[in-house]
Protein backbone atom coordinates (compact mmCIF):
# COMPACT_ATOMS: atom_id res chain seq x y z
CA MET A 1 9.02 -29.76 -19.80
CA SER A 2 8.61 -32.91 -17.75
CA SER A 3 5.14 -34.42 -17.63
CA ASP A 4 5.84 -35.89 -14.22
CA GLU A 5 2.84 -35.41 -11.91
CA ASN A 6 5.08 -33.69 -9.37
CA ALA A 7 6.16 -30.96 -11.78
CA ARG A 8 4.88 -27.48 -11.07
CA PRO A 9 1.29 -27.16 -12.34
CA ARG A 10 0.31 -24.25 -14.57
CA VAL A 11 -3.45 -24.28 -14.45
CA PRO A 12 -3.71 -23.81 -17.41
CA THR A 13 -0.93 -22.04 -19.33
CA VAL A 14 -1.66 -18.34 -19.74
CA GLY A 15 1.04 -16.74 -21.82
CA GLY A 16 2.97 -19.86 -22.63
CA ASP A 17 6.15 -20.82 -20.79
CA PRO A 18 9.27 -20.05 -22.88
CA ARG A 19 10.96 -23.03 -21.24
CA GLU A 20 8.49 -25.48 -22.81
CA GLY A 21 10.32 -27.83 -25.17
CA VAL A 22 13.51 -27.66 -23.11
CA ASP A 23 14.45 -31.07 -21.73
CA VAL A 24 14.81 -29.91 -18.12
CA ASP A 25 12.64 -30.97 -15.21
CA GLU A 26 11.33 -28.18 -13.02
CA PRO A 27 11.40 -28.50 -9.24
CA SER A 28 7.96 -29.06 -7.74
CA GLY A 29 6.14 -26.52 -5.60
CA LYS A 30 7.51 -23.40 -7.23
CA THR A 31 5.58 -20.27 -8.07
CA TRP A 32 7.49 -17.91 -10.35
CA PHE A 33 7.39 -14.16 -10.74
CA ARG A 34 5.89 -14.80 -14.16
CA ASP A 35 2.86 -16.34 -12.42
CA LEU A 36 2.45 -13.21 -10.32
CA ASP A 37 3.09 -11.02 -13.36
CA GLU A 38 0.34 -12.62 -15.41
CA ALA A 39 -2.17 -13.02 -12.56
CA VAL A 40 -1.76 -9.57 -11.01
CA ILE A 41 0.36 -7.10 -12.98
CA GLU A 42 -0.67 -7.86 -16.58
CA ALA A 43 -4.25 -8.33 -15.34
CA ASP A 44 -4.12 -4.70 -14.12
CA ARG A 45 -4.74 -5.73 -10.50
CA CYS A 46 -1.40 -4.49 -9.11
CA ILE A 47 -1.88 -1.99 -6.28
CA GLN A 48 1.73 -0.78 -6.46
CA CYS A 49 2.57 -1.46 -2.82
CA GLY A 50 6.05 -2.82 -3.58
CA THR A 51 5.74 -5.84 -1.29
CA CYS A 52 6.91 -8.29 -3.95
CA VAL A 53 10.07 -6.26 -4.50
CA ALA A 54 10.80 -6.23 -0.77
CA ALA A 55 10.07 -9.94 -0.40
CA CYS A 56 12.36 -11.18 -3.18
CA PRO A 57 15.46 -12.78 -1.56
CA SER A 58 17.50 -12.67 -4.77
CA ASP A 59 16.70 -9.05 -5.70
CA SER A 60 15.29 -10.37 -8.96
CA ILE A 61 12.35 -7.96 -8.92
CA GLY A 62 12.78 -4.26 -9.52
CA ILE A 63 10.55 -1.31 -10.35
CA ASP A 64 9.74 -0.21 -13.88
CA GLU A 65 10.34 3.53 -13.59
CA ILE A 66 8.06 4.34 -16.53
CA GLU A 67 5.08 2.17 -15.65
CA GLU A 68 5.63 2.28 -11.86
CA ARG A 69 5.09 -1.43 -11.43
CA PRO A 70 7.18 -4.46 -10.49
CA THR A 71 9.29 -6.05 -13.20
CA LEU A 72 11.85 -8.83 -13.47
CA VAL A 73 15.43 -7.50 -13.48
CA SER A 74 17.43 -10.72 -13.05
CA MET A 75 16.97 -14.47 -12.86
CA CYS A 76 13.88 -15.63 -10.94
CA THR A 77 14.58 -18.59 -8.65
CA GLY A 78 10.95 -19.60 -8.24
CA CYS A 79 11.07 -19.20 -4.45
CA SER A 80 7.38 -18.16 -4.41
CA ARG A 81 7.94 -15.28 -2.01
CA CYS A 82 6.58 -12.58 -4.32
CA TRP A 83 3.39 -14.61 -4.65
CA ASP A 84 3.14 -15.42 -0.95
CA PHE A 85 3.36 -11.81 0.22
CA CYS A 86 1.25 -10.06 -2.46
CA PRO A 87 -2.12 -8.89 -1.07
CA ARG A 88 -3.68 -9.55 -4.49
CA SER A 89 -2.45 -13.08 -4.96
CA GLY A 90 -1.07 -15.37 -2.27
CA LEU A 91 -1.68 -13.33 0.90
CA ARG A 92 -5.18 -13.67 2.37
CA TYR A 93 -5.00 -10.21 3.86
CA GLU A 94 -8.25 -10.47 5.84
CA ARG A 95 -6.85 -13.46 7.75
CA LEU A 96 -3.65 -11.60 8.50
CA ALA A 97 -5.73 -8.78 9.98
CA ASP A 98 -7.43 -11.25 12.28
CA ILE A 99 -4.10 -12.75 13.35
CA GLU A 100 -2.63 -9.30 13.91
CA GLY A 101 -5.49 -8.39 16.22
CA ALA A 102 -5.58 -11.60 18.22
CA ASP A 103 -3.22 -10.58 21.01
CA ARG A 104 -4.17 -6.93 21.40
CA PRO A 105 -4.78 -5.79 24.97
CA ALA A 106 -8.28 -4.66 25.87
CA ASP A 107 -7.33 -0.99 26.27
CA VAL A 108 -6.22 -0.70 22.63
CA GLY A 109 -8.84 0.79 20.34
CA ARG A 110 -8.85 4.38 21.46
CA THR A 111 -10.24 6.73 18.79
CA VAL A 112 -9.64 10.49 18.91
CA ALA A 113 -9.62 13.55 16.70
CA ALA A 114 -6.17 15.17 16.65
CA ARG A 115 -4.32 18.11 15.16
CA ALA A 116 -0.80 19.49 15.57
CA HIS A 117 -0.15 22.03 18.33
CA SER A 118 2.20 23.81 15.96
CA ASP A 119 0.33 26.07 13.53
CA ALA A 120 3.11 25.63 10.97
CA THR A 121 2.83 21.85 11.10
CA ALA A 122 -0.97 21.98 11.04
CA ALA A 123 -0.89 24.19 7.96
CA ALA A 124 1.68 22.04 6.17
CA GLY A 125 0.01 18.72 6.87
CA GLN A 126 -3.28 17.14 5.86
CA ASP A 127 -6.26 17.53 8.20
CA GLY A 128 -4.38 19.45 10.86
CA GLY A 129 -0.99 17.78 10.42
CA ALA A 130 -1.51 15.12 13.10
CA VAL A 131 0.64 12.46 11.42
CA THR A 132 3.45 14.94 10.74
CA ALA A 133 3.40 16.10 14.37
CA LEU A 134 3.27 12.56 15.76
CA LEU A 135 6.22 11.44 13.67
CA GLY A 136 8.16 14.55 14.64
CA GLU A 137 7.70 13.81 18.33
CA LEU A 138 8.81 10.20 17.82
CA LEU A 139 11.93 11.36 15.95
CA ASP A 140 12.81 13.81 18.73
CA ALA A 141 12.30 11.14 21.38
CA GLY A 142 14.56 8.69 19.53
CA GLU A 143 11.74 6.17 19.15
CA ILE A 144 12.25 6.16 15.38
CA ASP A 145 15.17 7.22 13.20
CA ALA A 146 13.21 7.88 10.02
CA ALA A 147 9.75 7.79 8.49
CA LEU A 148 8.92 6.32 5.09
CA VAL A 149 6.34 8.72 3.67
CA ALA A 150 5.36 10.23 0.31
CA THR A 151 6.38 13.59 -1.06
CA GLU A 152 5.49 15.43 -4.24
CA SER A 153 7.77 14.95 -7.20
CA ASP A 154 9.93 17.91 -8.18
CA ASP A 155 9.25 17.23 -11.85
CA GLN A 156 5.63 16.05 -12.02
CA PRO A 157 2.90 18.05 -10.25
CA LEU A 158 0.77 16.06 -7.77
CA LYS A 159 2.78 12.88 -8.24
CA GLY A 160 3.78 11.24 -4.98
CA GLU A 161 7.19 9.62 -4.56
CA ALA A 162 8.55 7.48 -1.74
CA TYR A 163 10.63 9.58 0.64
CA LEU A 164 12.60 8.86 3.82
CA ALA A 165 12.27 11.74 6.27
CA THR A 166 14.81 11.93 9.10
CA SER A 167 13.94 15.32 10.64
CA ARG A 168 10.96 17.52 11.48
CA ALA A 169 11.88 19.85 8.64
CA GLU A 170 11.84 16.98 6.15
CA LEU A 171 8.52 15.77 7.53
CA ARG A 172 6.96 19.20 7.08
CA GLU A 173 8.42 19.43 3.57
CA ALA A 174 6.80 16.11 2.66
CA ALA A 175 3.51 16.77 4.46
CA GLY A 176 0.17 16.48 2.66
CA SER A 177 -1.64 13.70 0.85
CA SER A 178 -0.71 11.88 -2.31
CA TYR A 179 -3.33 9.97 -4.26
CA ASN A 180 -1.06 7.65 -6.19
CA GLN A 181 0.92 4.72 -4.85
CA THR A 182 4.70 5.04 -4.64
CA MET A 183 5.90 1.40 -4.41
CA GLN A 184 7.40 2.45 -1.08
CA LEU A 185 8.03 -0.99 0.41
CA GLY A 186 10.07 -1.82 -2.67
CA ARG A 187 12.10 1.36 -2.27
CA LEU A 188 12.72 1.21 1.49
CA HIS A 189 16.17 -0.39 1.47
CA GLU A 190 17.35 1.75 -1.43
CA LEU A 191 16.35 4.87 0.52
CA LEU A 192 17.98 3.54 3.71
CA ASP A 193 21.22 2.93 1.81
CA GLU A 194 21.14 6.50 0.50
CA ALA A 195 20.53 7.85 4.02
CA ASP A 196 23.40 5.77 5.42
CA LEU A 197 21.54 4.96 8.65
CA ASP A 198 22.97 2.28 10.92
CA ASP A 199 20.37 -0.28 12.07
CA PRO A 200 17.48 2.23 11.96
CA ASP A 201 13.96 2.04 13.33
CA VAL A 202 11.56 3.24 10.67
CA ALA A 203 7.89 4.24 10.75
CA VAL A 204 6.09 3.28 7.54
CA VAL A 205 3.12 5.42 6.52
CA GLY A 206 1.00 3.97 3.72
CA THR A 207 -2.35 2.79 2.48
CA PRO A 208 -3.85 -0.35 4.06
CA CYS A 209 -2.49 -2.62 1.32
CA VAL A 210 1.05 -1.32 1.91
CA ILE A 211 0.63 -1.90 5.63
CA GLU A 212 -0.67 -5.44 4.99
CA GLY A 213 2.51 -6.23 3.08
CA ALA A 214 4.67 -4.71 5.80
CA ALA A 215 2.78 -6.65 8.48
CA ALA A 216 3.27 -9.94 6.64
CA LEU A 217 7.00 -9.33 6.14
CA GLU A 218 7.37 -8.37 9.78
CA ARG A 219 5.28 -11.13 11.30
CA TYR A 220 7.08 -13.86 9.39
CA GLU A 221 10.51 -12.29 9.86
CA PHE A 222 11.35 -12.92 6.22
CA ARG A 223 15.06 -12.20 5.74
CA ASP A 224 15.75 -8.78 7.21
CA GLU A 225 13.34 -6.96 4.92
CA ALA A 226 10.98 -5.94 7.73
CA SER A 227 13.57 -5.51 10.48
CA PRO A 228 13.79 -1.71 10.07
CA ILE A 229 10.01 -1.35 10.45
CA ALA A 230 9.24 -0.21 13.98
CA LEU A 231 5.79 1.32 13.47
CA ARG A 232 3.04 0.91 10.87
CA ILE A 233 0.65 3.82 10.24
CA ALA A 234 -2.23 3.20 7.83
CA LEU A 235 -3.93 5.92 5.81
CA MET A 236 -7.64 5.07 5.63
CA CYS A 237 -8.43 4.49 1.99
CA THR A 238 -11.16 3.25 -0.34
CA ARG A 239 -9.14 3.61 -3.55
CA ASN A 240 -5.96 5.01 -5.03
CA PHE A 241 -5.31 6.41 -8.46
CA GLU A 242 -2.95 5.77 -11.34
CA TYR A 243 -1.09 9.04 -11.72
CA ASP A 244 -1.28 9.56 -15.47
CA ARG A 245 -5.00 8.76 -15.61
CA LEU A 246 -5.74 11.05 -12.66
CA ARG A 247 -3.70 13.82 -14.24
CA SER A 248 -5.61 13.44 -17.52
CA ILE A 249 -9.02 13.67 -15.87
CA LEU A 250 -8.01 16.74 -13.87
CA VAL A 251 -6.84 18.44 -17.06
CA ASP A 252 -10.11 17.47 -18.77
CA HIS A 253 -11.91 19.29 -15.95
CA GLY A 254 -9.92 22.43 -16.77
CA VAL A 255 -7.54 22.22 -13.81
CA ASP A 256 -4.11 23.82 -14.17
CA LEU A 257 -1.91 21.20 -12.50
CA GLU A 258 0.82 23.73 -11.78
CA ALA A 259 -1.66 25.76 -9.73
CA VAL A 260 -2.78 22.83 -7.55
CA ASP A 261 -1.24 22.89 -4.09
CA GLY A 262 -3.26 20.04 -2.61
CA LEU A 263 -5.82 17.31 -3.24
CA ASP A 264 -8.24 15.95 -0.70
CA VAL A 265 -11.15 13.52 -0.69
CA THR A 266 -13.87 14.61 1.71
CA GLU A 267 -17.42 13.32 2.01
CA GLY A 268 -17.29 11.70 -1.41
CA ASP A 269 -15.81 14.67 -3.25
CA LEU A 270 -12.33 15.17 -4.66
CA ILE A 271 -11.23 18.74 -3.97
CA ALA A 272 -8.28 20.51 -5.56
CA THR A 273 -7.03 23.72 -3.93
CA ASP A 274 -4.33 26.25 -4.69
CA ALA A 275 -1.64 27.62 -2.36
CA ASP A 276 -4.09 30.18 -0.93
CA GLY A 277 -6.68 27.53 -0.11
CA GLU A 278 -8.96 28.55 -2.98
CA VAL A 279 -10.95 25.66 -4.45
CA LEU A 280 -9.97 24.97 -8.05
CA LEU A 281 -12.21 21.92 -8.43
CA GLU A 282 -14.79 20.12 -6.33
CA GLU A 283 -16.18 17.05 -8.03
CA SER A 284 -17.67 13.72 -6.97
CA VAL A 285 -14.89 11.19 -6.60
CA ASP A 286 -17.01 8.89 -8.77
CA ALA A 287 -16.08 11.09 -11.73
CA PHE A 288 -12.52 9.79 -11.29
CA ASP A 289 -13.38 6.08 -11.38
CA ALA A 290 -11.48 5.62 -14.62
CA ALA A 291 -8.30 6.74 -12.85
CA GLY A 292 -8.66 4.29 -9.97
CA LEU A 293 -6.44 1.25 -9.60
CA ASP A 294 -8.61 -1.77 -10.44
CA GLY A 295 -7.03 -3.81 -7.66
CA CYS A 296 -8.47 -1.41 -5.08
CA ALA A 297 -11.94 -2.85 -5.73
CA GLU A 298 -10.79 -6.10 -4.07
CA CYS A 299 -9.80 -4.41 -0.81
CA ALA A 300 -12.10 -4.65 2.21
CA ASP A 301 -9.58 -3.04 4.56
CA PHE A 302 -10.58 0.64 4.59
CA VAL A 303 -9.29 1.32 8.10
CA GLY A 304 -5.97 -0.52 7.91
CA GLU A 305 -6.61 -3.38 10.31
CA THR A 306 -2.99 -4.57 10.36
CA ALA A 307 -1.63 -1.14 11.36
CA ASP A 308 -0.39 0.00 14.74
CA ILE A 309 -2.20 3.30 14.20
CA SER A 310 -4.81 4.18 11.57
CA VAL A 311 -5.51 7.75 10.45
CA GLY A 312 -8.05 9.48 8.20
CA ASN A 313 -10.53 12.33 8.12
CA VAL A 314 -13.82 10.45 8.51
CA GLY A 315 -15.73 11.40 11.64
CA SER A 316 -13.51 14.27 12.80
CA PRO A 317 -14.19 18.02 12.70
CA ASP A 318 -12.58 20.09 9.94
CA GLU A 319 -8.79 20.47 10.33
CA TYR A 320 -8.61 17.37 12.54
CA THR A 321 -7.42 13.83 11.83
CA THR A 322 -9.24 10.74 13.07
CA VAL A 323 -6.70 8.55 14.88
CA VAL A 324 -7.36 4.92 15.87
CA VAL A 325 -4.78 3.18 18.07
CA ARG A 326 -4.80 -0.44 16.96
CA SER A 327 -1.95 -2.27 18.73
CA GLU A 328 0.13 -2.23 21.88
CA ARG A 329 3.03 -0.86 19.87
CA GLY A 330 0.73 1.85 18.53
CA ALA A 331 -0.35 2.69 22.07
CA ASP A 332 3.29 3.10 23.12
CA ALA A 333 3.96 5.37 20.14
CA TRP A 334 0.85 7.41 20.91
CA ALA A 335 1.85 7.81 24.55
CA THR A 336 5.22 9.21 23.43
CA GLY A 337 4.11 11.26 20.45
CA SER A 338 0.76 12.72 21.44
CA ASP A 339 2.39 15.55 23.43
CA GLY A 340 2.69 17.42 20.15
CA LEU A 341 -1.02 17.07 19.45
CA GLU A 342 -4.26 18.69 20.47
CA THR A 343 -6.90 15.97 20.83
CA LEU A 344 -10.66 15.64 21.14
CA PRO A 345 -12.45 12.44 22.17
CA LEU A 346 -14.46 10.65 19.50
CA ASP A 347 -17.00 8.58 21.36
CA GLU A 348 -19.24 8.18 18.31
CA THR A 349 -17.65 6.46 15.31
CA GLU A 350 -20.81 5.75 13.33
CA SER A 351 -19.64 7.45 10.14
CA LEU A 352 -16.30 5.65 10.26
CA ASP A 353 -17.96 2.30 10.89
CA ARG A 354 -20.49 2.90 8.13
CA LEU A 355 -17.83 3.64 5.52
CA ALA A 356 -15.76 0.63 6.61
CA ASP A 357 -18.84 -1.61 6.30
CA TRP A 358 -19.64 -0.23 2.84
CA ASN A 359 -16.07 -0.79 1.70
CA GLU A 360 -16.11 -4.38 2.90
CA ARG A 361 -19.44 -5.10 1.19
CA ARG A 362 -18.12 -3.65 -2.07
CA ALA A 363 -15.02 -5.83 -1.89
CA ARG A 364 -16.95 -8.98 -1.05
CA ASP A 365 -19.29 -8.41 -4.00
CA GLY A 366 -16.43 -8.01 -6.48
CA LEU A 367 -13.85 -10.45 -5.10
CA PRO A 368 -13.64 -13.64 -7.21
CA ARG A 369 -12.13 -15.67 -4.39
CA GLU A 370 -13.82 -16.39 -1.08
CA PHE A 371 -13.42 -13.67 1.54
CA ASP A 372 -12.66 -15.71 4.65
CA ARG A 373 -11.31 -14.28 7.89
CA GLU A 374 -10.78 -17.81 9.23
CA GLY A 375 -9.27 -19.35 6.10
CA ALA A 376 -5.67 -20.29 5.45
CA LEU A 377 -3.36 -17.29 5.37
CA SER A 378 -1.74 -18.43 2.11
CA ILE A 379 -3.60 -18.84 -1.19
CA ALA A 380 -1.91 -21.34 -3.50
CA TYR A 381 -1.42 -20.50 -7.17
CA ARG A 382 -3.77 -23.31 -8.24
CA GLU A 383 -6.47 -22.13 -5.81
CA HIS A 384 -6.15 -18.57 -7.08
CA ARG A 385 -6.46 -19.66 -10.71
CA GLU A 386 -9.54 -21.73 -9.98
CA ALA A 387 -11.22 -18.68 -8.46
CA TYR A 388 -10.12 -16.08 -11.01
CA ASP A 389 -10.17 -17.91 -14.35
CA GLY A 390 -13.17 -16.88 -16.41
CA THR A 391 -13.77 -13.66 -14.46
CA ASP A 392 -13.01 -10.04 -15.32
CA CYS A 393 -9.89 -10.42 -13.13
CA GLU A 394 -8.43 -13.50 -14.81
CA PRO A 395 -4.71 -13.69 -15.61
CA GLU A 396 -3.48 -12.07 -18.82
CA PRO A 397 -0.59 -13.24 -20.99
CA LEU A 398 2.54 -11.18 -21.00
CA ASN A 399 3.14 -8.50 -23.57
CA PRO A 400 5.27 -10.31 -26.19
CA ALA A 401 7.88 -7.56 -25.93
CA ARG A 402 8.58 -8.66 -22.36
CA VAL A 403 8.78 -12.41 -22.93
CA TYR A 404 12.48 -12.16 -23.71
CA GLN A 405 13.11 -11.42 -20.02
CA TYR A 406 11.59 -14.75 -19.09
CA GLU A 407 13.43 -16.66 -21.77
CA GLU A 408 16.69 -15.34 -20.35
CA TRP A 409 15.98 -15.12 -16.64
CA CYS A 410 13.43 -17.75 -15.63
């Protein structure tokens, strides 16, 4: 490797670059997927949003179907895009939230409790089926052509999978909550190709980190990756779970996974119910800490600040969803889609605000880098390493079994 001062700095080497010893100069200013891999994925900080897959212009990043995480599938060009758009590496997500909110009109910010008018939709969906009903109305009105949501796997009980719904029936079939990530941004174009939709408008429903990635792709008009995204709906979230670890803990608590029809997190408890609504398990969510994705601890965005609409169950009566309209585009969607909803005003949002404040304090306490809403949007690789080296979140060298990929493709 060239020792020229303009060569790309590795600060310091983590797993060892397989290109070392090869008499080829590297272009300056590059950040490679291997850098992201070691700093985020191998360090067990990946939140499985799929943004890096969507951002890669050369389709060099795919999804490991066994481990459900990003992986290199062809030659990396070092374009830095995977790093730039990852909410756990190069994207200062709290700054993006501030930018996203800068131009919002004063009347945006309405908060209501909502449930579907349709009893069938309310029963099928989570917390009264408000999101399912809203999306159904938008589909019928032609405002969207599809919705990227999660549905339960046919083969693995309680496991969510990315799903593109194009009708009310498909929305109802997919309704309910999933507590594992589905890499949905990385699967969007694959699902669109399968659906054979021509220039579609898509609503993306996901956790705040997924919505941050979608907002960054959309705001910076990177390639055409975000062009199908017409609406961003965030699911309020303090953590998500790794499926196999969650499954194991549920089994340890004596839960028959085949009998579970739904999971919900309410007032600090994880509740598993069967098809008749009978409670199979009610346990403090803290008992499932070992199943949580470690990268969730770095997230201060409980409400989904970069969304057009945020939804959750905090602060609403039973069988209602808390809905926060966050952007002008969200207000337009609400005006069109709320006909299918029964709503109640929520003038007091103390419980919602309190949980959001707690979540931000937790993230600030555990985040190695500076949390700065006014800082630069992009975090350089060197800056990230300086903050994370020597902490519990520091980069980890690649598994030797995977180094061959980098020898061949980087």
